[in-house]
Amino acid sequence: MTSKLSPRQQESARKQLQTVLHALAGSTLSPVAEAVGIDVSSLSRWKTERFPQLAEILAALELKIVPAGAMVYAADDIQALLHLSRRSLEGVTPESLSTGAP
């Protein structure tokens, strides 16, 4: 079956697959397999057989995998913060920093 994902979605799927595989590489498979109730050989097969397709499904749904401790913000919120930061810093000069004047 050929993927019909857009190039952007394909890149997203590739990055997500890398994220999952990297996390698995940093761990032994036994505790992960045991936690989800499968044997290690099944989990090892999933890495090549199921995980790539799961990454494509997530990309098609416009979802992504992030570490559990990550804080995720909407792009619009980040753009608003950057805009306000730039506006606040427009009048700042080295002289105003040294004198403490606005």
PDB file of N, CA and C in Angstrom:
ATOM      1  N   MET A   1       0.837  -1.175   0.000  1.00  0.00           N
ATOM      2  CA  MET A   1       0.000   0.000   0.000  1.00  0.00           C
ATOM      3  C   MET A   1       0.887   1.246   0.000  1.00  0.00           C
ATOM      4  N   THR A   2       0.601   2.179  -0.875  1.00  0.00           N
ATOM      5  CA  THR A   2       1.371   3.396  -0.990  1.00  0.00           C
ATOM      6  C   THR A   2       0.762   4.489  -0.130  1.00  0.00           C
ATOM      7  N   SER A   3       1.603   5.181   0.602  1.00  0.00           N
ATOM      8  CA  SER A   3       1.138   6.264   1.463  1.00  0.00           C
ATOM      9  C   SER A   3       0.678   7.445   0.624  1.00  0.00           C
ATOM     10  N   LYS A   4      -0.425   8.055   1.016  1.00  0.00           N
ATOM     11  CA  LYS A   4      -0.942   9.236   0.326  1.00  0.00           C
ATOM     12  C   LYS A   4      -0.769  10.475   1.195  1.00  0.00           C
ATOM     13  N   LEU A   5       0.180  10.421   2.123  1.00  0.00           N
ATOM     14  CA  LEU A   5       0.456  11.568   2.979  1.00  0.00           C
ATOM     15  C   LEU A   5       1.135  12.665   2.180  1.00  0.00           C
ATOM     16  N   SER A   6       0.894  13.890   2.582  1.00  0.00           N
ATOM     17  CA  SER A   6       1.593  15.011   1.961  1.00  0.00           C
ATOM     18  C   SER A   6       3.059  14.946   2.365  1.00  0.00           C
ATOM     19  N   PRO A   7       3.936  15.647   1.650  1.00  0.00           N
ATOM     20  CA  PRO A   7       5.349  15.652   2.044  1.00  0.00           C
ATOM     21  C   PRO A   7       5.549  16.112   3.498  1.00  0.00           C
ATOM     22  N   ARG A   8       4.757  17.081   3.935  1.00  0.00           N
ATOM     23  CA  ARG A   8       4.860  17.566   5.317  1.00  0.00           C
ATOM     24  C   ARG A   8       4.454  16.467   6.293  1.00  0.00           C
ATOM     25  N   GLN A   9       3.399  15.743   5.974  1.00  0.00           N
ATOM     26  CA  GLN A   9       2.945  14.657   6.836  1.00  0.00           C
ATOM     27  C   GLN A   9       3.950  13.502   6.833  1.00  0.00           C
ATOM     28  N   GLN A  10       4.547  13.230   5.678  1.00  0.00           N
ATOM     29  CA  GLN A  10       5.569  12.178   5.601  1.00  0.00           C
ATOM     30  C   GLN A  10       6.753  12.524   6.494  1.00  0.00           C
ATOM     31  N   GLU A  11       7.161  13.784   6.475  1.00  0.00           N
ATOM     32  CA  GLU A  11       8.269  14.228   7.329  1.00  0.00           C
ATOM     33  C   GLU A  11       7.885  14.121   8.799  1.00  0.00           C
ATOM     34  N   SER A  12       6.656  14.492   9.116  1.00  0.00           N
ATOM     35  CA  SER A  12       6.178  14.373  10.490  1.00  0.00           C
ATOM     36  C   SER A  12       6.187  12.912  10.939  1.00  0.00           C
ATOM     37  N   ALA A  13       5.703  12.026  10.099  1.00  0.00           N
ATOM     38  CA  ALA A  13       5.689  10.598  10.422  1.00  0.00           C
ATOM     39  C   ALA A  13       7.103  10.073  10.620  1.00  0.00           C
ATOM     40  N   ARG A  14       8.017  10.495   9.775  1.00  0.00           N
ATOM     41  CA  ARG A  14       9.415  10.060   9.903  1.00  0.00           C
ATOM     42  C   ARG A  14       9.999  10.499  11.238  1.00  0.00           C
ATOM     43  N   LYS A  15       9.743  11.761  11.612  1.00  0.00           N
ATOM     44  CA  LYS A  15      10.272  12.283  12.876  1.00  0.00           C
ATOM     45  C   LYS A  15       9.646  11.576  14.075  1.00  0.00           C
ATOM     46  N   GLN A  16       8.350  11.287  13.985  1.00  0.00           N
ATOM     47  CA  GLN A  16       7.684  10.613  15.092  1.00  0.00           C
ATOM     48  C   GLN A  16       8.203   9.189  15.263  1.00  0.00           C
ATOM     49  N   LEU A  17       8.417   8.520  14.146  1.00  0.00           N
ATOM     50  CA  LEU A  17       8.972   7.173  14.211  1.00  0.00           C
ATOM     51  C   LEU A  17      10.354   7.221  14.850  1.00  0.00           C
ATOM     52  N   GLN A  18      11.163   8.204  14.468  1.00  0.00           N
ATOM     53  CA  GLN A  18      12.488   8.356  15.068  1.00  0.00           C
ATOM     54  C   GLN A  18      12.382   8.578  16.569  1.00  0.00           C
ATOM     55  N   THR A  19      11.415   9.372  16.999  1.00  0.00           N
ATOM     56  CA  THR A  19      11.223   9.642  18.423  1.00  0.00           C
ATOM     57  C   THR A  19      10.938   8.354  19.190  1.00  0.00           C
ATOM     58  N   VAL A  20      10.044   7.545  18.646  1.00  0.00           N
ATOM     59  CA  VAL A  20       9.683   6.288  19.302  1.00  0.00           C
ATOM     60  C   VAL A  20      10.870   5.330  19.313  1.00  0.00           C
ATOM     61  N   LEU A  21      11.537   5.192  18.179  1.00  0.00           N
ATOM     62  CA  LEU A  21      12.665   4.264  18.101  1.00  0.00           C
ATOM     63  C   LEU A  21      13.816   4.716  18.991  1.00  0.00           C
ATOM     64  N   HIS A  22      14.031   6.005  19.076  1.00  0.00           N
ATOM     65  CA  HIS A  22      15.077   6.537  19.954  1.00  0.00           C
ATOM     66  C   HIS A  22      14.748   6.237  21.418  1.00  0.00           C
ATOM     67  N   ALA A  23      13.486   6.418  21.796  1.00  0.00           N
ATOM     68  CA  ALA A  23      13.079   6.115  23.173  1.00  0.00           C
ATOM     69  C   ALA A  23      13.253   4.631  23.472  1.00  0.00           C
ATOM     70  N   LEU A  24      12.903   3.785  22.520  1.00  0.00           N
ATOM     71  CA  LEU A  24      13.085   2.351  22.725  1.00  0.00           C
ATOM     72  C   LEU A  24      14.555   1.974  22.807  1.00  0.00           C
ATOM     73  N   ALA A  25      15.394   2.653  22.044  1.00  0.00           N
ATOM     74  CA  ALA A  25      16.829   2.357  22.061  1.00  0.00           C
ATOM     75  C   ALA A  25      17.439   2.717  23.414  1.00  0.00           C
ATOM     76  N   GLY A  26      16.839   3.680  24.098  1.00  0.00           N
ATOM     77  CA  GLY A  26      17.346   4.096  25.402  1.00  0.00           C
ATOM     78  C   GLY A  26      16.812   3.244  26.538  1.00  0.00           C
ATOM     79  N   SER A  27      16.105   2.194  26.215  1.00  0.00           N
ATOM     80  CA  SER A  27      15.489   1.337  27.220  1.00  0.00           C
ATOM     81  C   SER A  27      15.671  -0.112  26.797  1.00  0.00           C
ATOM     82  N   THR A  28      15.565  -1.013  27.749  1.00  0.00           N
ATOM     83  CA  THR A  28      15.531  -2.423  27.362  1.00  0.00           C
ATOM     84  C   THR A  28      14.091  -2.752  26.986  1.00  0.00           C
ATOM     85  N   LEU A  29      13.936  -3.632  26.037  1.00  0.00           N
ATOM     86  CA  LEU A  29      12.600  -3.941  25.540  1.00  0.00           C
ATOM     87  C   LEU A  29      11.764  -4.744  26.529  1.00  0.00           C
ATOM     88  N   SER A  30      12.411  -5.502  27.394  1.00  0.00           N
ATOM     89  CA  SER A  30      11.673  -6.381  28.317  1.00  0.00           C
ATOM     90  C   SER A  30      10.649  -5.636  29.170  1.00  0.00           C
ATOM     91  N   PRO A  31      11.023  -4.569  29.886  1.00  0.00           N
ATOM     92  CA  PRO A  31      10.019  -3.907  30.716  1.00  0.00           C
ATOM     93  C   PRO A  31       8.894  -3.272  29.898  1.00  0.00           C
ATOM     94  N   VAL A  32       9.227  -2.791  28.699  1.00  0.00           N
ATOM     95  CA  VAL A  32       8.212  -2.186  27.836  1.00  0.00           C
ATOM     96  C   VAL A  32       7.238  -3.258  27.368  1.00  0.00           C
ATOM     97  N   ALA A  33       7.772  -4.372  26.892  1.00  0.00           N
ATOM     98  CA  ALA A  33       6.928  -5.474  26.416  1.00  0.00           C
ATOM     99  C   ALA A  33       6.054  -5.997  27.548  1.00  0.00           C
ATOM    100  N   GLU A  34       6.646  -6.165  28.706  1.00  0.00           N
ATOM    101  CA  GLU A  34       5.887  -6.665  29.862  1.00  0.00           C
ATOM    102  C   GLU A  34       4.778  -5.693  30.249  1.00  0.00           C
ATOM    103  N   ALA A  35       5.051  -4.407  30.189  1.00  0.00           N
ATOM    104  CA  ALA A  35       4.053  -3.400  30.571  1.00  0.00           C
ATOM    105  C   ALA A  35       2.818  -3.434  29.683  1.00  0.00           C
ATOM    106  N   VAL A  36       3.010  -3.793  28.415  1.00  0.00           N
ATOM    107  CA  VAL A  36       1.862  -3.834  27.496  1.00  0.00           C
ATOM    108  C   VAL A  36       1.379  -5.260  27.214  1.00  0.00           C
ATOM    109  N   GLY A  37       1.968  -6.228  27.906  1.00  0.00           N
ATOM    110  CA  GLY A  37       1.478  -7.595  27.826  1.00  0.00           C
ATOM    111  C   GLY A  37       1.827  -8.353  26.561  1.00  0.00           C
ATOM    112  N   ILE A  38       2.991  -8.073  25.987  1.00  0.00           N
ATOM    113  CA  ILE A  38       3.439  -8.836  24.820  1.00  0.00           C
ATOM    114  C   ILE A  38       4.853  -9.331  25.073  1.00  0.00           C
ATOM    115  N   ASP A  39       5.318 -10.250  24.242  1.00  0.00           N
ATOM    116  CA  ASP A  39       6.693 -10.723  24.421  1.00  0.00           C
ATOM    117  C   ASP A  39       7.655  -9.809  23.673  1.00  0.00           C
ATOM    118  N   VAL A  40       8.918  -9.907  24.040  1.00  0.00           N
ATOM    119  CA  VAL A  40       9.952  -9.035  23.490  1.00  0.00           C
ATOM    120  C   VAL A  40      10.075  -9.193  21.981  1.00  0.00           C
ATOM    121  N   SER A  41       9.954 -10.415  21.491  1.00  0.00           N
ATOM    122  CA  SER A  41      10.082 -10.624  20.045  1.00  0.00           C
ATOM    123  C   SER A  41       8.952  -9.924  19.290  1.00  0.00           C
ATOM    124  N   SER A  42       7.755  -9.910  19.860  1.00  0.00           N
ATOM    125  CA  SER A  42       6.642  -9.199  19.220  1.00  0.00           C
ATOM    126  C   SER A  42       6.926  -7.701  19.172  1.00  0.00           C
ATOM    127  N   LEU A  43       7.380  -7.166  20.294  1.00  0.00           N
ATOM    128  CA  LEU A  43       7.697  -5.731  20.330  1.00  0.00           C
ATOM    129  C   LEU A  43       8.789  -5.402  19.331  1.00  0.00           C
ATOM    130  N   SER A  44       9.768  -6.259  19.216  1.00  0.00           N
ATOM    131  CA  SER A  44      10.843  -6.043  18.255  1.00  0.00           C
ATOM    132  C   SER A  44      10.309  -6.027  16.826  1.00  0.00           C
ATOM    133  N   ARG A  45       9.381  -6.937  16.512  1.00  0.00           N
ATOM    134  CA  ARG A  45       8.769  -6.947  15.175  1.00  0.00           C
ATOM    135  C   ARG A  45       7.938  -5.690  14.935  1.00  0.00           C
ATOM    136  N   TRP A  46       7.235  -5.248  15.966  1.00  0.00           N
ATOM    137  CA  TRP A  46       6.392  -4.052  15.828  1.00  0.00           C
ATOM    138  C   TRP A  46       7.206  -2.846  15.393  1.00  0.00           C
ATOM    139  N   LYS A  47       8.472  -2.799  15.829  1.00  0.00           N
ATOM    140  CA  LYS A  47       9.320  -1.653  15.475  1.00  0.00           C
ATOM    141  C   LYS A  47       9.401  -1.466  13.967  1.00  0.00           C
ATOM    142  N   THR A  48       9.404  -2.547  13.223  1.00  0.00           N
ATOM    143  CA  THR A  48       9.492  -2.427  11.768  1.00  0.00           C
ATOM    144  C   THR A  48       8.155  -2.623  11.066  1.00  0.00           C
ATOM    145  N   GLU A  49       7.247  -3.382  11.687  1.00  0.00           N
ATOM    146  CA  GLU A  49       5.990  -3.705  11.015  1.00  0.00           C
ATOM    147  C   GLU A  49       4.838  -2.759  11.355  1.00  0.00           C
ATOM    148  N   ARG A  50       4.740  -2.345  12.603  1.00  0.00           N
ATOM    149  CA  ARG A  50       3.571  -1.564  13.021  1.00  0.00           C
ATOM    150  C   ARG A  50       3.872  -0.100  13.319  1.00  0.00           C
ATOM    151  N   PHE A  51       5.006   0.170  13.911  1.00  0.00           N
ATOM    152  CA  PHE A  51       5.304   1.544  14.309  1.00  0.00           C
ATOM    153  C   PHE A  51       5.341   2.529  13.137  1.00  0.00           C
ATOM    154  N   PRO A  52       5.923   2.158  11.979  1.00  0.00           N
ATOM    155  CA  PRO A  52       5.898   3.118  10.862  1.00  0.00           C
ATOM    156  C   PRO A  52       4.476   3.497  10.442  1.00  0.00           C
ATOM    157  N   GLN A  53       3.580   2.520  10.432  1.00  0.00           N
ATOM    158  CA  GLN A  53       2.200   2.807  10.049  1.00  0.00           C
ATOM    159  C   GLN A  53       1.506   3.640  11.127  1.00  0.00           C
ATOM    160  N   LEU A  54       1.779   3.352  12.391  1.00  0.00           N
ATOM    161  CA  LEU A  54       1.206   4.151  13.463  1.00  0.00           C
ATOM    162  C   LEU A  54       1.665   5.604  13.347  1.00  0.00           C
ATOM    163  N   ALA A  55       2.934   5.813  13.030  1.00  0.00           N
ATOM    164  CA  ALA A  55       3.454   7.172  12.857  1.00  0.00           C
ATOM    165  C   ALA A  55       2.733   7.879  11.711  1.00  0.00           C
ATOM    166  N   GLU A  56       2.441   7.153  10.643  1.00  0.00           N
ATOM    167  CA  GLU A  56       1.702   7.745   9.521  1.00  0.00           C
ATOM    168  C   GLU A  56       0.264   8.076   9.920  1.00  0.00           C
ATOM    169  N   ILE A  57      -0.347   7.223  10.710  1.00  0.00           N
ATOM    170  CA  ILE A  57      -1.714   7.492  11.178  1.00  0.00           C
ATOM    171  C   ILE A  57      -1.727   8.769  12.011  1.00  0.00           C
ATOM    172  N   LEU A  58      -0.780   8.891  12.921  1.00  0.00           N
ATOM    173  CA  LEU A  58      -0.707  10.098  13.749  1.00  0.00           C
ATOM    174  C   LEU A  58      -0.495  11.339  12.897  1.00  0.00           C
ATOM    175  N   ALA A  59       0.376  11.248  11.904  1.00  0.00           N
ATOM    176  CA  ALA A  59       0.631  12.389  11.020  1.00  0.00           C
ATOM    177  C   ALA A  59      -0.618  12.759  10.234  1.00  0.00           C
ATOM    178  N   ALA A  60      -1.350  11.755   9.752  1.00  0.00           N
ATOM    179  CA  ALA A  60      -2.579  12.018   9.001  1.00  0.00           C
ATOM    180  C   ALA A  60      -3.630  12.680   9.877  1.00  0.00           C
ATOM    181  N   LEU A  61      -3.610  12.373  11.174  1.00  0.00           N
ATOM    182  CA  LEU A  61      -4.555  12.968  12.119  1.00  0.00           C
ATOM    183  C   LEU A  61      -4.066  14.312  12.668  1.00  0.00           C
ATOM    184  N   GLU A  62      -2.888  14.749  12.187  1.00  0.00           N
ATOM    185  CA  GLU A  62      -2.273  15.999  12.666  1.00  0.00           C
ATOM    186  C   GLU A  62      -1.964  15.929  14.156  1.00  0.00           C
ATOM    187  N   LEU A  63      -1.545  14.751  14.618  1.00  0.00           N
ATOM    188  CA  LEU A  63      -1.119  14.550  15.996  1.00  0.00           C
ATOM    189  C   LEU A  63       0.369  14.273  15.997  1.00  0.00           C
ATOM    190  N   LYS A  64       1.001  14.462  17.164  1.00  0.00           N
ATOM    191  CA  LYS A  64       2.411  14.124  17.234  1.00  0.00           C
ATOM    192  C   LYS A  64       2.777  13.607  18.609  1.00  0.00           C
ATOM    193  N   ILE A  65       3.857  12.879  18.650  1.00  0.00           N
ATOM    194  CA  ILE A  65       4.372  12.295  19.873  1.00  0.00           C
ATOM    195  C   ILE A  65       5.371  13.272  20.479  1.00  0.00           C
ATOM    196  N   VAL A  66       5.200  13.542  21.764  1.00  0.00           N
ATOM    197  CA  VAL A  66       6.150  14.382  22.485  1.00  0.00           C
ATOM    198  C   VAL A  66       6.491  13.698  23.801  1.00  0.00           C
ATOM    199  N   PRO A  67       7.649  13.983  24.360  1.00  0.00           N
ATOM    200  CA  PRO A  67       7.982  13.389  25.659  1.00  0.00           C
ATOM    201  C   PRO A  67       6.943  13.783  26.720  1.00  0.00           C
ATOM    202  N   ALA A  68       6.734  12.903  27.691  1.00  0.00           N
ATOM    203  CA  ALA A  68       5.714  13.126  28.718  1.00  0.00           C
ATOM    204  C   ALA A  68       5.942  14.441  29.470  1.00  0.00           C
ATOM    205  N   GLY A  69       7.176  14.840  29.657  1.00  0.00           N
ATOM    206  CA  GLY A  69       7.466  16.066  30.397  1.00  0.00           C
ATOM    207  C   GLY A  69       7.425  17.333  29.558  1.00  0.00           C
ATOM    208  N   ALA A  70       7.156  17.198  28.274  1.00  0.00           N
ATOM    209  CA  ALA A  70       7.152  18.372  27.389  1.00  0.00           C
ATOM    210  C   ALA A  70       5.921  19.229  27.653  1.00  0.00           C
ATOM    211  N   MET A  71       6.120  20.530  27.497  1.00  0.00           N
ATOM    212  CA  MET A  71       4.999  21.460  27.578  1.00  0.00           C
ATOM    213  C   MET A  71       4.749  21.966  26.166  1.00  0.00           C
ATOM    214  N   VAL A  72       3.560  21.742  25.673  1.00  0.00           N
ATOM    215  CA  VAL A  72       3.244  22.063  24.292  1.00  0.00           C
ATOM    216  C   VAL A  72       2.305  23.263  24.252  1.00  0.00           C
ATOM    217  N   TYR A  73       2.642  24.231  23.403  1.00  0.00           N
ATOM    218  CA  TYR A  73       1.842  25.448  23.271  1.00  0.00           C
ATOM    219  C   TYR A  73       1.418  25.609  21.814  1.00  0.00           C
ATOM    220  N   ALA A  74       0.276  26.218  21.627  1.00  0.00           N
ATOM    221  CA  ALA A  74      -0.216  26.476  20.276  1.00  0.00           C
ATOM    222  C   ALA A  74       0.708  27.463  19.572  1.00  0.00           C
ATOM    223  N   ALA A  75       0.900  27.260  18.277  1.00  0.00           N
ATOM    224  CA  ALA A  75       1.780  28.135  17.494  1.00  0.00           C
ATOM    225  C   ALA A  75       1.317  29.588  17.569  1.00  0.00           C
ATOM    226  N   ASP A  76       0.014  29.827  17.563  1.00  0.00           N
ATOM    227  CA  ASP A  76      -0.506  31.202  17.656  1.00  0.00           C
ATOM    228  C   ASP A  76      -0.096  31.859  18.967  1.00  0.00           C
ATOM    229  N   ASP A  77      -0.108  31.107  20.055  1.00  0.00           N
ATOM    230  CA  ASP A  77       0.299  31.652  21.348  1.00  0.00           C
ATOM    231  C   ASP A  77       1.775  32.027  21.338  1.00  0.00           C
ATOM    232  N   ILE A  78       2.593  31.186  20.760  1.00  0.00           N
ATOM    233  CA  ILE A  78       4.029  31.469  20.680  1.00  0.00           C
ATOM    234  C   ILE A  78       4.277  32.707  19.830  1.00  0.00           C
ATOM    235  N   GLN A  79       3.580  32.816  18.695  1.00  0.00           N
ATOM    236  CA  GLN A  79       3.743  33.990  17.832  1.00  0.00           C
ATOM    237  C   GLN A  79       3.338  35.267  18.568  1.00  0.00           C
ATOM    238  N   ALA A  80       2.268  35.215  19.345  1.00  0.00           N
ATOM    239  CA  ALA A  80       1.825  36.384  20.109  1.00  0.00           C
ATOM    240  C   ALA A  80       2.875  36.780  21.137  1.00  0.00           C
ATOM    241  N   LEU A  81       3.444  35.814  21.826  1.00  0.00           N
ATOM    242  CA  LEU A  81       4.485  36.112  22.808  1.00  0.00           C
ATOM    243  C   LEU A  81       5.725  36.709  22.145  1.00  0.00           C
ATOM    244  N   LEU A  82       6.117  36.169  21.010  1.00  0.00           N
ATOM    245  CA  LEU A  82       7.272  36.715  20.288  1.00  0.00           C
ATOM    246  C   LEU A  82       7.010  38.145  19.835  1.00  0.00           C
ATOM    247  N   HIS A  83       5.804  38.401  19.338  1.00  0.00           N
ATOM    248  CA  HIS A  83       5.442  39.749  18.900  1.00  0.00           C
ATOM    249  C   HIS A  83       5.516  40.728  20.071  1.00  0.00           C
ATOM    250  N   LEU A  84       4.926  40.367  21.198  1.00  0.00           N
ATOM    251  CA  LEU A  84       4.950  41.251  22.365  1.00  0.00           C
ATOM    252  C   LEU A  84       6.369  41.462  22.873  1.00  0.00           C
ATOM    253  N   SER A  85       7.178  40.421  22.839  1.00  0.00           N
ATOM    254  CA  SER A  85       8.573  40.549  23.278  1.00  0.00           C
ATOM    255  C   SER A  85       9.337  41.506  22.383  1.00  0.00           C
ATOM    256  N   ARG A  86       9.154  41.375  21.064  1.00  0.00           N
ATOM    257  CA  ARG A  86       9.844  42.281  20.130  1.00  0.00           C
ATOM    258  C   ARG A  86       9.412  43.723  20.357  1.00  0.00           C
ATOM    259  N   ARG A  87       8.113  43.924  20.525  1.00  0.00           N
ATOM    260  CA  ARG A  87       7.592  45.278  20.758  1.00  0.00           C
ATOM    261  C   ARG A  87       8.179  45.874  22.032  1.00  0.00           C
ATOM    262  N   SER A  88       8.280  45.076  23.075  1.00  0.00           N
ATOM    263  CA  SER A  88       8.808  45.557  24.347  1.00  0.00           C
ATOM    264  C   SER A  88      10.290  45.897  24.260  1.00  0.00           C
ATOM    265  N   LEU A  89      10.993  45.219  23.384  1.00  0.00           N
ATOM    266  CA  LEU A  89      12.442  45.418  23.288  1.00  0.00           C
ATOM    267  C   LEU A  89      12.846  46.455  22.244  1.00  0.00           C
ATOM    268  N   GLU A  90      11.877  46.988  21.490  1.00  0.00           N
ATOM    269  CA  GLU A  90      12.210  47.938  20.426  1.00  0.00           C
ATOM    270  C   GLU A  90      12.974  49.158  20.936  1.00  0.00           C
ATOM    271  N   GLY A  91      12.600  49.667  22.075  1.00  0.00           N
ATOM    272  CA  GLY A  91      13.237  50.882  22.579  1.00  0.00           C
ATOM    273  C   GLY A  91      14.452  50.631  23.445  1.00  0.00           C
ATOM    274  N   VAL A  92      14.817  49.396  23.640  1.00  0.00           N
ATOM    275  CA  VAL A  92      15.951  49.089  24.506  1.00  0.00           C
ATOM    276  C   VAL A  92      17.252  49.290  23.747  1.00  0.00           C
ATOM    277  N   THR A  93      18.143  50.057  24.353  1.00  0.00           N
ATOM    278  CA  THR A  93      19.479  50.290  23.790  1.00  0.00           C
ATOM    279  C   THR A  93      20.508  49.958  24.863  1.00  0.00           C
ATOM    280  N   PRO A  94      21.747  49.805  24.483  1.00  0.00           N
ATOM    281  CA  PRO A  94      22.774  49.563  25.504  1.00  0.00           C
ATOM    282  C   PRO A  94      22.818  50.686  26.546  1.00  0.00           C
ATOM    283  N   GLU A  95      22.566  51.922  26.084  1.00  0.00           N
ATOM    284  CA  GLU A  95      22.590  53.045  27.027  1.00  0.00           C
ATOM    285  C   GLU A  95      21.441  52.957  28.015  1.00  0.00           C
ATOM    286  N   SER A  96      20.253  52.597  27.525  1.00  0.00           N
ATOM    287  CA  SER A  96      19.112  52.522  28.438  1.00  0.00           C
ATOM    288  C   SER A  96      19.294  51.361  29.443  1.00  0.00           C
ATOM    289  N   LEU A  97      19.995  50.333  29.031  1.00  0.00           N
ATOM    290  CA  LEU A  97      20.248  49.237  29.939  1.00  0.00           C
ATOM    291  C   LEU A  97      21.221  49.659  31.055  1.00  0.00           C
ATOM    292  N   SER A  98      22.223  50.449  30.680  1.00  0.00           N
ATOM    293  CA  SER A  98      23.222  50.865  31.674  1.00  0.00           C
ATOM    294  C   SER A  98      22.670  51.913  32.633  1.00  0.00           C
ATOM    295  N   THR A  99      21.725  52.736  32.179  1.00  0.00           N
ATOM    296  CA  THR A  99      21.171  53.775  33.056  1.00  0.00           C
ATOM    297  C   THR A  99      19.901  53.317  33.752  1.00  0.00           C
ATOM    298  N   GLY A 100      19.308  52.241  33.280  1.00  0.00           N
ATOM    299  CA  GLY A 100      18.076  51.753  33.878  1.00  0.00           C
ATOM    300  C   GLY A 100      16.859  52.514  33.381  1.00  0.00           C
ATOM    301  N   ALA A 101      17.028  53.416  32.406  1.00  0.00           N
ATOM    302  CA  ALA A 101      15.898  54.181  31.854  1.00  0.00           C
ATOM    303  C   ALA A 101      15.121  53.325  30.868  1.00  0.00           C
ATOM    304  N   PRO A 102      13.824  53.552  30.752  1.00  0.00           N
ATOM    305  CA  PRO A 102      13.016  52.755  29.800  1.00  0.00           C
ATOM    306  C   PRO A 102      13.353  53.060  28.359  1.00  0.00           C
TER     307      PRO A 102
END
